[in-house]
Structure formats: structure tokens, C-alpha cells
Amino acid sequence: AGAIEEAEGVRIDRRVDHGDLVQYDGIALDVIQLRGH
């Protein structure tokens, strides 16, 4: 998130980790961290 903010001048509102859930009205997405790339 920090590198994205620095590169594009935007704020990352939510920084997610492995196992988190990102949920909106009608859409729920599980977060899986895949480290290495």
C-alpha cells in the first residue's frame, strides 16, 4: 500500500492482510496474500 501511495499520489483507504474479508452490498471477497512477486 505504501509504495502505491507514493507512486500514484493516492490514499489507500484499507490495507488488507491474508485472511481478511472485503465486503460490499452484494459482493464479498476473501483476501489471500501471495508473497513473492
PDB file of all heavy atoms in Angstrom:
ATOM      1  N   ALA A   1       0.816  -1.221   0.000  1.00  0.00           N
ATOM      2  CA  ALA A   1       0.000   0.000   0.000  1.00  0.00           C
ATOM      3  C   ALA A   1       0.850   1.271   0.000  1.00  0.00           C
ATOM      4  O   ALA A   1       0.555   2.224  -0.730  1.00  0.00           O
ATOM      5  CB  ALA A   1      -0.946  -0.006   1.194  1.00  0.00           C
ATOM      6  N   GLY A   2       1.894   1.304   0.808  1.00  0.00           N
ATOM      7  CA  GLY A   2       2.726   2.496   0.881  1.00  0.00           C
ATOM      8  C   GLY A   2       3.382   2.823  -0.442  1.00  0.00           C
ATOM      9  O   GLY A   2       3.450   4.000  -0.850  1.00  0.00           O
ATOM     10  N   ALA A   3       3.865   1.811  -1.144  1.00  0.00           N
ATOM     11  CA  ALA A   3       4.501   2.030  -2.447  1.00  0.00           C
ATOM     12  C   ALA A   3       3.496   2.536  -3.475  1.00  0.00           C
ATOM     13  O   ALA A   3       3.830   3.367  -4.325  1.00  0.00           O
ATOM     14  CB  ALA A   3       5.153   0.734  -2.925  1.00  0.00           C
ATOM     15  N   ILE A   4       2.257   2.053  -3.403  1.00  0.00           N
ATOM     16  CA  ILE A   4       1.215   2.525  -4.321  1.00  0.00           C
ATOM     17  C   ILE A   4       0.897   3.995  -4.047  1.00  0.00           C
ATOM     18  O   ILE A   4       0.777   4.805  -4.970  1.00  0.00           O
ATOM     19  CB  ILE A   4      -0.045   1.656  -4.183  1.00  0.00           C
ATOM     20  CG1 ILE A   4       0.244   0.225  -4.649  1.00  0.00           C
ATOM     21  CG2 ILE A   4      -1.206   2.261  -4.976  1.00  0.00           C
ATOM     22  CD1 ILE A   4      -0.844  -0.761  -4.290  1.00  0.00           C
ATOM     23  N   GLU A   5       0.776   4.338  -2.776  1.00  0.00           N
ATOM     24  CA  GLU A   5       0.506   5.733  -2.421  1.00  0.00           C
ATOM     25  C   GLU A   5       1.614   6.653  -2.914  1.00  0.00           C
ATOM     26  O   GLU A   5       1.345   7.734  -3.469  1.00  0.00           O
ATOM     27  CB  GLU A   5       0.358   5.852  -0.902  1.00  0.00           C
ATOM     28  CG  GLU A   5      -0.903   5.207  -0.361  1.00  0.00           C
ATOM     29  CD  GLU A   5      -1.026   5.339   1.148  1.00  0.00           C
ATOM     30  OE1 GLU A   5       0.025   5.437   1.829  1.00  0.00           O
ATOM     31  OE2 GLU A   5      -2.160   5.346   1.643  1.00  0.00           O
ATOM     32  N   GLU A   6       2.851   6.239  -2.744  1.00  0.00           N
ATOM     33  CA  GLU A   6       3.987   7.060  -3.151  1.00  0.00           C
ATOM     34  C   GLU A   6       4.051   7.201  -4.670  1.00  0.00           C
ATOM     35  O   GLU A   6       4.319   8.287  -5.200  1.00  0.00           O
ATOM     36  CB  GLU A   6       5.288   6.454  -2.633  1.00  0.00           C
ATOM     37  CG  GLU A   6       6.521   7.274  -2.946  1.00  0.00           C
ATOM     38  CD  GLU A   6       7.777   6.693  -2.350  1.00  0.00           C
ATOM     39  OE1 GLU A   6       7.682   5.719  -1.567  1.00  0.00           O
ATOM     40  OE2 GLU A   6       8.869   7.219  -2.640  1.00  0.00           O
ATOM     41  N   ALA A   7       3.765   6.124  -5.384  1.00  0.00           N
ATOM     42  CA  ALA A   7       3.892   6.135  -6.843  1.00  0.00           C
ATOM     43  C   ALA A   7       2.801   6.950  -7.516  1.00  0.00           C
ATOM     44  O   ALA A   7       3.061   7.649  -8.502  1.00  0.00           O
ATOM     45  CB  ALA A   7       3.873   4.702  -7.370  1.00  0.00           C
ATOM     46  N   GLU A   8       1.584   6.887  -6.993  1.00  0.00           N
ATOM     47  CA  GLU A   8       0.452   7.491  -7.697  1.00  0.00           C
ATOM     48  C   GLU A   8      -0.175   8.672  -6.960  1.00  0.00           C
ATOM     49  O   GLU A   8      -1.108   9.287  -7.479  1.00  0.00           O
ATOM     50  CB  GLU A   8      -0.626   6.427  -7.962  1.00  0.00           C
ATOM     51  CG  GLU A   8      -0.163   5.329  -8.911  1.00  0.00           C
ATOM     52  CD  GLU A   8       0.184   5.853 -10.296  1.00  0.00           C
ATOM     53  OE1 GLU A   8      -0.381   6.877 -10.715  1.00  0.00           O
ATOM     54  OE2 GLU A   8       1.036   5.226 -10.964  1.00  0.00           O
ATOM     55  N   GLY A   9       0.286   8.981  -5.760  1.00  0.00           N
ATOM     56  CA  GLY A   9      -0.265  10.112  -5.031  1.00  0.00           C
ATOM     57  C   GLY A   9      -1.692   9.911  -4.589  1.00  0.00           C
ATOM     58  O   GLY A   9      -2.464  10.867  -4.489  1.00  0.00           O
ATOM     59  N   VAL A  10      -2.070   8.665  -4.353  1.00  0.00           N
ATOM     60  CA  VAL A  10      -3.411   8.348  -3.879  1.00  0.00           C
ATOM     61  C   VAL A  10      -3.322   7.781  -2.465  1.00  0.00           C
ATOM     62  O   VAL A  10      -2.267   7.350  -2.023  1.00  0.00           O
ATOM     63  CB  VAL A  10      -4.117   7.319  -4.796  1.00  0.00           C
ATOM     64  CG1 VAL A  10      -4.265   7.869  -6.199  1.00  0.00           C
ATOM     65  CG2 VAL A  10      -3.368   5.993  -4.811  1.00  0.00           C
ATOM     66  N   ARG A  11      -4.457   7.797  -1.781  1.00  0.00           N
ATOM     67  CA  ARG A  11      -4.513   7.199  -0.459  1.00  0.00           C
ATOM     68  C   ARG A  11      -5.140   5.819  -0.558  1.00  0.00           C
ATOM     69  O   ARG A  11      -6.183   5.644  -1.200  1.00  0.00           O
ATOM     70  CB  ARG A  11      -5.354   8.068   0.481  1.00  0.00           C
ATOM     71  CG  ARG A  11      -5.536   7.447   1.863  1.00  0.00           C
ATOM     72  CD  ARG A  11      -6.386   8.321   2.752  1.00  0.00           C
ATOM     73  NE  ARG A  11      -6.665   7.657   4.026  1.00  0.00           N
ATOM     74  CZ  ARG A  11      -7.383   8.184   5.007  1.00  0.00           C
ATOM     75  NH1 ARG A  11      -7.915   9.390   4.849  1.00  0.00           N
ATOM     76  NH2 ARG A  11      -7.581   7.520   6.124  1.00  0.00           N
ATOM     77  N   ILE A  12      -4.492   4.833   0.055  1.00  0.00           N
ATOM     78  CA  ILE A  12      -5.085   3.504   0.165  1.00  0.00           C
ATOM     79  C   ILE A  12      -5.887   3.480   1.464  1.00  0.00           C
ATOM     80  O   ILE A  12      -5.333   3.538   2.558  1.00  0.00           O
ATOM     81  CB  ILE A  12      -4.017   2.402   0.160  1.00  0.00           C
ATOM     82  CG1 ILE A  12      -3.224   2.433  -1.156  1.00  0.00           C
ATOM     83  CG2 ILE A  12      -4.664   1.030   0.376  1.00  0.00           C
ATOM     84  CD1 ILE A  12      -4.059   2.232  -2.393  1.00  0.00           C
ATOM     85  N   ASP A  13      -7.197   3.425   1.320  1.00  0.00           N
ATOM     86  CA  ASP A  13      -8.082   3.529   2.480  1.00  0.00           C
ATOM     87  C   ASP A  13      -8.044   2.287   3.354  1.00  0.00           C
ATOM     88  O   ASP A  13      -8.171   2.372   4.576  1.00  0.00           O
ATOM     89  CB  ASP A  13      -9.529   3.754   2.022  1.00  0.00           C
ATOM     90  CG  ASP A  13      -9.670   5.020   1.193  1.00  0.00           C
ATOM     91  OD1 ASP A  13      -9.227   6.078   1.667  1.00  0.00           O
ATOM     92  OD2 ASP A  13     -10.213   4.946   0.077  1.00  0.00           O
ATOM     93  N   ARG A  14      -7.889   1.138   2.743  1.00  0.00           N
ATOM     94  CA  ARG A  14      -7.898  -0.111   3.511  1.00  0.00           C
ATOM     95  C   ARG A  14      -6.722  -0.981   3.098  1.00  0.00           C
ATOM     96  O   ARG A  14      -6.576  -1.314   1.920  1.00  0.00           O
ATOM     97  CB  ARG A  14      -9.206  -0.864   3.304  1.00  0.00           C
ATOM     98  CG  ARG A  14      -9.291  -2.128   4.153  1.00  0.00           C
ATOM     99  CD  ARG A  14     -10.655  -2.763   4.095  1.00  0.00           C
ATOM    100  NE  ARG A  14     -10.675  -3.974   4.882  1.00  0.00           N
ATOM    101  CZ  ARG A  14     -11.663  -4.866   4.887  1.00  0.00           C
ATOM    102  NH1 ARG A  14     -12.740  -4.647   4.142  1.00  0.00           N
ATOM    103  NH2 ARG A  14     -11.599  -5.947   5.621  1.00  0.00           N
ATOM    104  N   ARG A  15      -5.902  -1.312   4.077  1.00  0.00           N
ATOM    105  CA  ARG A  15      -4.740  -2.166   3.846  1.00  0.00           C
ATOM    106  C   ARG A  15      -5.079  -3.553   4.377  1.00  0.00           C
ATOM    107  O   ARG A  15      -5.304  -3.715   5.578  1.00  0.00           O
ATOM    108  CB  ARG A  15      -3.515  -1.591   4.548  1.00  0.00           C
ATOM    109  CG  ARG A  15      -3.186  -0.180   4.067  1.00  0.00           C
ATOM    110  CD  ARG A  15      -2.009   0.419   4.802  1.00  0.00           C
ATOM    111  NE  ARG A  15      -1.697   1.745   4.266  1.00  0.00           N
ATOM    112  CZ  ARG A  15      -0.466   2.224   4.122  1.00  0.00           C
ATOM    113  NH1 ARG A  15       0.579   1.500   4.508  1.00  0.00           N
ATOM    114  NH2 ARG A  15      -0.273   3.428   3.619  1.00  0.00           N
ATOM    115  N   VAL A  16      -5.109  -4.539   3.481  1.00  0.00           N
ATOM    116  CA  VAL A  16      -5.607  -5.853   3.854  1.00  0.00           C
ATOM    117  C   VAL A  16      -4.466  -6.850   4.026  1.00  0.00           C
ATOM    118  O   VAL A  16      -3.393  -6.711   3.440  1.00  0.00           O
ATOM    119  CB  VAL A  16      -6.619  -6.383   2.813  1.00  0.00           C
ATOM    120  CG1 VAL A  16      -7.885  -5.550   2.845  1.00  0.00           C
ATOM    121  CG2 VAL A  16      -6.017  -6.394   1.411  1.00  0.00           C
ATOM    122  N   ASP A  17      -4.748  -7.863   4.837  1.00  0.00           N
ATOM    123  CA  ASP A  17      -3.812  -8.944   5.104  1.00  0.00           C
ATOM    124  C   ASP A  17      -4.461 -10.279   4.751  1.00  0.00           C
ATOM    125  O   ASP A  17      -5.671 -10.365   4.523  1.00  0.00           O
ATOM    126  CB  ASP A  17      -3.411  -8.944   6.586  1.00  0.00           C
ATOM    127  CG  ASP A  17      -2.520  -7.778   6.957  1.00  0.00           C
ATOM    128  OD1 ASP A  17      -1.488  -7.588   6.287  1.00  0.00           O
ATOM    129  OD2 ASP A  17      -2.852  -7.056   7.913  1.00  0.00           O
ATOM    130  N   HIS A  18      -3.651 -11.304   4.756  1.00  0.00           N
ATOM    131  CA  HIS A  18      -4.131 -12.652   4.476  1.00  0.00           C
ATOM    132  C   HIS A  18      -5.259 -13.030   5.436  1.00  0.00           C
ATOM    133  O   HIS A  18      -5.138 -12.852   6.647  1.00  0.00           O
ATOM    134  CB  HIS A  18      -2.970 -13.641   4.633  1.00  0.00           C
ATOM    135  CG  HIS A  18      -3.336 -15.050   4.328  1.00  0.00           C
ATOM    136  ND1 HIS A  18      -3.685 -15.471   3.073  1.00  0.00           N
ATOM    137  CD2 HIS A  18      -3.411 -16.144   5.135  1.00  0.00           C
ATOM    138  CE1 HIS A  18      -3.955 -16.762   3.110  1.00  0.00           C
ATOM    139  NE2 HIS A  18      -3.802 -17.198   4.344  1.00  0.00           N
ATOM    140  N   GLY A  19      -6.360 -13.504   4.870  1.00  0.00           N
ATOM    141  CA  GLY A  19      -7.499 -13.916   5.678  1.00  0.00           C
ATOM    142  C   GLY A  19      -8.557 -12.861   5.883  1.00  0.00           C
ATOM    143  O   GLY A  19      -9.617 -13.149   6.451  1.00  0.00           O
ATOM    144  N   ASP A  20      -8.309 -11.642   5.416  1.00  0.00           N
ATOM    145  CA  ASP A  20      -9.311 -10.585   5.560  1.00  0.00           C
ATOM    146  C   ASP A  20     -10.485 -10.818   4.597  1.00  0.00           C
ATOM    147  O   ASP A  20     -10.385 -11.578   3.626  1.00  0.00           O
ATOM    148  CB  ASP A  20      -8.696  -9.211   5.270  1.00  0.00           C
ATOM    149  CG  ASP A  20      -7.837  -8.705   6.422  1.00  0.00           C
ATOM    150  OD1 ASP A  20      -7.893  -9.306   7.509  1.00  0.00           O
ATOM    151  OD2 ASP A  20      -7.109  -7.711   6.216  1.00  0.00           O
ATOM    152  N   LEU A  21     -11.580 -10.117   4.879  1.00  0.00           N
ATOM    153  CA  LEU A  21     -12.765 -10.139   4.028  1.00  0.00           C
ATOM    154  C   LEU A  21     -13.058  -8.717   3.584  1.00  0.00           C
ATOM    155  O   LEU A  21     -13.126  -7.800   4.405  1.00  0.00           O
ATOM    156  CB  LEU A  21     -13.965 -10.707   4.785  1.00  0.00           C
ATOM    157  CG  LEU A  21     -15.311 -10.705   4.046  1.00  0.00           C
ATOM    158  CD1 LEU A  21     -15.282 -11.667   2.866  1.00  0.00           C
ATOM    159  CD2 LEU A  21     -16.448 -11.054   5.007  1.00  0.00           C
ATOM    160  N   VAL A  22     -13.227  -8.525   2.281  1.00  0.00           N
ATOM    161  CA  VAL A  22     -13.607  -7.235   1.720  1.00  0.00           C
ATOM    162  C   VAL A  22     -15.057  -7.372   1.272  1.00  0.00           C
ATOM    163  O   VAL A  22     -15.360  -8.174   0.392  1.00  0.00           O
ATOM    164  CB  VAL A  22     -12.699  -6.855   0.534  1.00  0.00           C
ATOM    165  CG1 VAL A  22     -13.125  -5.516  -0.058  1.00  0.00           C
ATOM    166  CG2 VAL A  22     -11.245  -6.802   0.969  1.00  0.00           C
ATOM    167  N   GLN A  23     -15.954  -6.599   1.862  1.00  0.00           N
ATOM    168  CA  GLN A  23     -17.381  -6.829   1.653  1.00  0.00           C
ATOM    169  C   GLN A  23     -18.113  -5.532   1.344  1.00  0.00           C
ATOM    170  O   GLN A  23     -17.911  -4.509   1.990  1.00  0.00           O
ATOM    171  CB  GLN A  23     -17.991  -7.480   2.896  1.00  0.00           C
ATOM    172  CG  GLN A  23     -19.398  -7.999   2.697  1.00  0.00           C
ATOM    173  CD  GLN A  23     -19.807  -8.952   3.805  1.00  0.00           C
ATOM    174  OE1 GLN A  23     -19.169  -9.022   4.853  1.00  0.00           O
ATOM    175  NE2 GLN A  23     -20.868  -9.702   3.592  1.00  0.00           N
ATOM    176  N   TYR A  24     -18.952  -5.610   0.317  1.00  0.00           N
ATOM    177  CA  TYR A  24     -19.835  -4.515  -0.068  1.00  0.00           C
ATOM    178  C   TYR A  24     -21.226  -5.108  -0.272  1.00  0.00           C
ATOM    179  O   TYR A  24     -21.408  -6.320  -0.139  1.00  0.00           O
ATOM    180  CB  TYR A  24     -19.300  -3.830  -1.332  1.00  0.00           C
ATOM    181  CG  TYR A  24     -17.865  -3.393  -1.179  1.00  0.00           C
ATOM    182  CD1 TYR A  24     -16.833  -4.219  -1.607  1.00  0.00           C
ATOM    183  CD2 TYR A  24     -17.536  -2.210  -0.534  1.00  0.00           C
ATOM    184  CE1 TYR A  24     -15.504  -3.852  -1.425  1.00  0.00           C
ATOM    185  CE2 TYR A  24     -16.216  -1.833  -0.345  1.00  0.00           C
ATOM    186  CZ  TYR A  24     -15.205  -2.664  -0.788  1.00  0.00           C
ATOM    187  OH  TYR A  24     -13.898  -2.306  -0.589  1.00  0.00           O
ATOM    188  N   ASP A  25     -22.195  -4.299  -0.588  1.00  0.00           N
ATOM    189  CA  ASP A  25     -23.570  -4.777  -0.708  1.00  0.00           C
ATOM    190  C   ASP A  25     -23.696  -5.687  -1.929  1.00  0.00           C
ATOM    191  O   ASP A  25     -23.750  -5.228  -3.064  1.00  0.00           O
ATOM    192  CB  ASP A  25     -24.524  -3.591  -0.827  1.00  0.00           C
ATOM    193  CG  ASP A  25     -25.984  -4.007  -0.778  1.00  0.00           C
ATOM    194  OD1 ASP A  25     -26.265  -5.200  -0.570  1.00  0.00           O
ATOM    195  OD2 ASP A  25     -26.845  -3.125  -0.948  1.00  0.00           O
ATOM    196  N   GLY A  26     -23.695  -6.992  -1.687  1.00  0.00           N
ATOM    197  CA  GLY A  26     -23.830  -7.950  -2.771  1.00  0.00           C
ATOM    198  C   GLY A  26     -22.544  -8.552  -3.271  1.00  0.00           C
ATOM    199  O   GLY A  26     -22.572  -9.449  -4.121  1.00  0.00           O
ATOM    200  N   ILE A  27     -21.409  -8.097  -2.759  1.00  0.00           N
ATOM    201  CA  ILE A  27     -20.107  -8.625  -3.190  1.00  0.00           C
ATOM    202  C   ILE A  27     -19.235  -8.833  -1.956  1.00  0.00           C
ATOM    203  O   ILE A  27     -18.990  -7.886  -1.202  1.00  0.00           O
ATOM    204  CB  ILE A  27     -19.393  -7.675  -4.167  1.00  0.00           C
ATOM    205  CG1 ILE A  27     -20.245  -7.430  -5.415  1.00  0.00           C
ATOM    206  CG2 ILE A  27     -18.021  -8.228  -4.555  1.00  0.00           C
ATOM    207  CD1 ILE A  27     -19.675  -6.399  -6.371  1.00  0.00           C
ATOM    208  N   ALA A  28     -18.765 -10.048  -1.745  1.00  0.00           N
ATOM    209  CA  ALA A  28     -17.855 -10.353  -0.646  1.00  0.00           C
ATOM    210  C   ALA A  28     -16.664 -11.115  -1.210  1.00  0.00           C
ATOM    211  O   ALA A  28     -16.829 -12.116  -1.919  1.00  0.00           O
ATOM    212  CB  ALA A  28     -18.556 -11.178   0.428  1.00  0.00           C
ATOM    213  N   LEU A  29     -15.468 -10.641  -0.918  1.00  0.00           N
ATOM    214  CA  LEU A  29     -14.240 -11.215  -1.454  1.00  0.00           C
ATOM    215  C   LEU A  29     -13.278 -11.539  -0.315  1.00  0.00           C
ATOM    216  O   LEU A  29     -12.969 -10.684   0.512  1.00  0.00           O
ATOM    217  CB  LEU A  29     -13.573 -10.240  -2.423  1.00  0.00           C
ATOM    218  CG  LEU A  29     -14.389  -9.848  -3.657  1.00  0.00           C
ATOM    219  CD1 LEU A  29     -13.848  -8.566  -4.265  1.00  0.00           C
ATOM    220  CD2 LEU A  29     -14.369 -10.965  -4.683  1.00  0.00           C
ATOM    221  N   ASP A  30     -12.805 -12.775  -0.289  1.00  0.00           N
ATOM    222  CA  ASP A  30     -11.767 -13.162   0.665  1.00  0.00           C
ATOM    223  C   ASP A  30     -10.410 -12.742   0.122  1.00  0.00           C
ATOM    224  O   ASP A  30     -10.167 -12.767  -1.098  1.00  0.00           O
ATOM    225  CB  ASP A  30     -11.790 -14.671   0.892  1.00  0.00           C
ATOM    226  CG  ASP A  30     -13.083 -15.134   1.538  1.00  0.00           C
ATOM    227  OD1 ASP A  30     -13.439 -14.572   2.590  1.00  0.00           O
ATOM    228  OD2 ASP A  30     -13.736 -16.043   0.988  1.00  0.00           O
ATOM    229  N   VAL A  31      -9.502 -12.393   1.037  1.00  0.00           N
ATOM    230  CA  VAL A  31      -8.163 -11.942   0.667  1.00  0.00           C
ATOM    231  C   VAL A  31      -7.159 -13.055   0.954  1.00  0.00           C
ATOM    232  O   VAL A  31      -7.118 -13.600   2.070  1.00  0.00           O
ATOM    233  CB  VAL A  31      -7.767 -10.672   1.439  1.00  0.00           C
ATOM    234  CG1 VAL A  31      -6.334 -10.254   1.093  1.00  0.00           C
ATOM    235  CG2 VAL A  31      -8.744  -9.541   1.140  1.00  0.00           C
ATOM    236  N   ILE A  32      -6.360 -13.383  -0.044  1.00  0.00           N
ATOM    237  CA  ILE A  32      -5.261 -14.332   0.123  1.00  0.00           C
ATOM    238  C   ILE A  32      -3.975 -13.625  -0.250  1.00  0.00           C
ATOM    239  O   ILE A  32      -3.839 -13.107  -1.361  1.00  0.00           O
ATOM    240  CB  ILE A  32      -5.457 -15.574  -0.773  1.00  0.00           C
ATOM    241  CG1 ILE A  32      -6.683 -16.372  -0.319  1.00  0.00           C
ATOM    242  CG2 ILE A  32      -4.217 -16.450  -0.742  1.00  0.00           C
ATOM    243  CD1 ILE A  32      -6.948 -17.599  -1.150  1.00  0.00           C
ATOM    244  N   GLN A  33      -3.031 -13.587   0.667  1.00  0.00           N
ATOM    245  CA  GLN A  33      -1.729 -12.995   0.364  1.00  0.00           C
ATOM    246  C   GLN A  33      -0.866 -14.030  -0.344  1.00  0.00           C
ATOM    247  O   GLN A  33      -0.770 -15.178   0.088  1.00  0.00           O
ATOM    248  CB  GLN A  33      -1.029 -12.502   1.636  1.00  0.00           C
ATOM    249  CG  GLN A  33       0.227 -11.697   1.338  1.00  0.00           C
ATOM    250  CD  GLN A  33       0.852 -11.084   2.576  1.00  0.00           C
ATOM    251  OE1 GLN A  33       0.643 -11.558   3.677  1.00  0.00           O
ATOM    252  NE2 GLN A  33       1.620 -10.025   2.392  1.00  0.00           N
ATOM    253  N   LEU A  34      -0.245 -13.623  -1.440  1.00  0.00           N
ATOM    254  CA  LEU A  34       0.644 -14.476  -2.221  1.00  0.00           C
ATOM    255  C   LEU A  34       1.968 -13.745  -2.376  1.00  0.00           C
ATOM    256  O   LEU A  34       2.187 -13.015  -3.336  1.00  0.00           O
ATOM    257  CB  LEU A  34       0.019 -14.803  -3.583  1.00  0.00           C
ATOM    258  CG  LEU A  34      -1.331 -15.524  -3.554  1.00  0.00           C
ATOM    259  CD1 LEU A  34      -1.937 -15.603  -4.946  1.00  0.00           C
ATOM    260  CD2 LEU A  34      -1.194 -16.929  -2.954  1.00  0.00           C
ATOM    261  N   ARG A  35       2.831 -13.931  -1.423  1.00  0.00           N
ATOM    262  CA  ARG A  35       4.075 -13.164  -1.353  1.00  0.00           C
ATOM    263  C   ARG A  35       5.103 -13.681  -2.359  1.00  0.00           C
ATOM    264  O   ARG A  35       5.170 -14.867  -2.634  1.00  0.00           O
ATOM    265  CB  ARG A  35       4.651 -13.265   0.057  1.00  0.00           C
ATOM    266  CG  ARG A  35       3.708 -12.771   1.155  1.00  0.00           C
ATOM    267  CD  ARG A  35       4.042 -13.374   2.499  1.00  0.00           C
ATOM    268  NE  ARG A  35       3.828 -14.826   2.490  1.00  0.00           N
ATOM    269  CZ  ARG A  35       3.976 -15.608   3.556  1.00  0.00           C
ATOM    270  NH1 ARG A  35       4.345 -15.075   4.702  1.00  0.00           N
ATOM    271  NH2 ARG A  35       3.764 -16.904   3.465  1.00  0.00           N
ATOM    272  N   GLY A  36       5.906 -12.764  -2.890  1.00  0.00           N
ATOM    273  CA  GLY A  36       6.994 -13.170  -3.760  1.00  0.00           C
ATOM    274  C   GLY A  36       7.118 -12.322  -5.006  1.00  0.00           C
ATOM    275  O   GLY A  36       8.197 -11.816  -5.307  1.00  0.00           O
ATOM    276  N   HIS A  37       6.038 -12.172  -5.774  1.00  0.00           N
ATOM    277  CA  HIS A  37       6.083 -11.268  -6.926  1.00  0.00           C
ATOM    278  C   HIS A  37       6.289  -9.843  -6.436  1.00  0.00           C
ATOM    279  O   HIS A  37       7.105  -9.096  -6.991  1.00  0.00           O
ATOM    280  CB  HIS A  37       4.791 -11.393  -7.728  1.00  0.00           C
ATOM    281  CG  HIS A  37       4.758 -10.540  -8.957  1.00  0.00           C
ATOM    282  ND1 HIS A  37       5.602 -10.744 -10.029  1.00  0.00           N
ATOM    283  CD2 HIS A  37       3.993  -9.463  -9.286  1.00  0.00           C
ATOM    284  CE1 HIS A  37       5.357  -9.828 -10.956  1.00  0.00           C
ATOM    285  NE2 HIS A  37       4.383  -9.038 -10.527  1.00  0.00           N
TER     286      HIS A  37
END
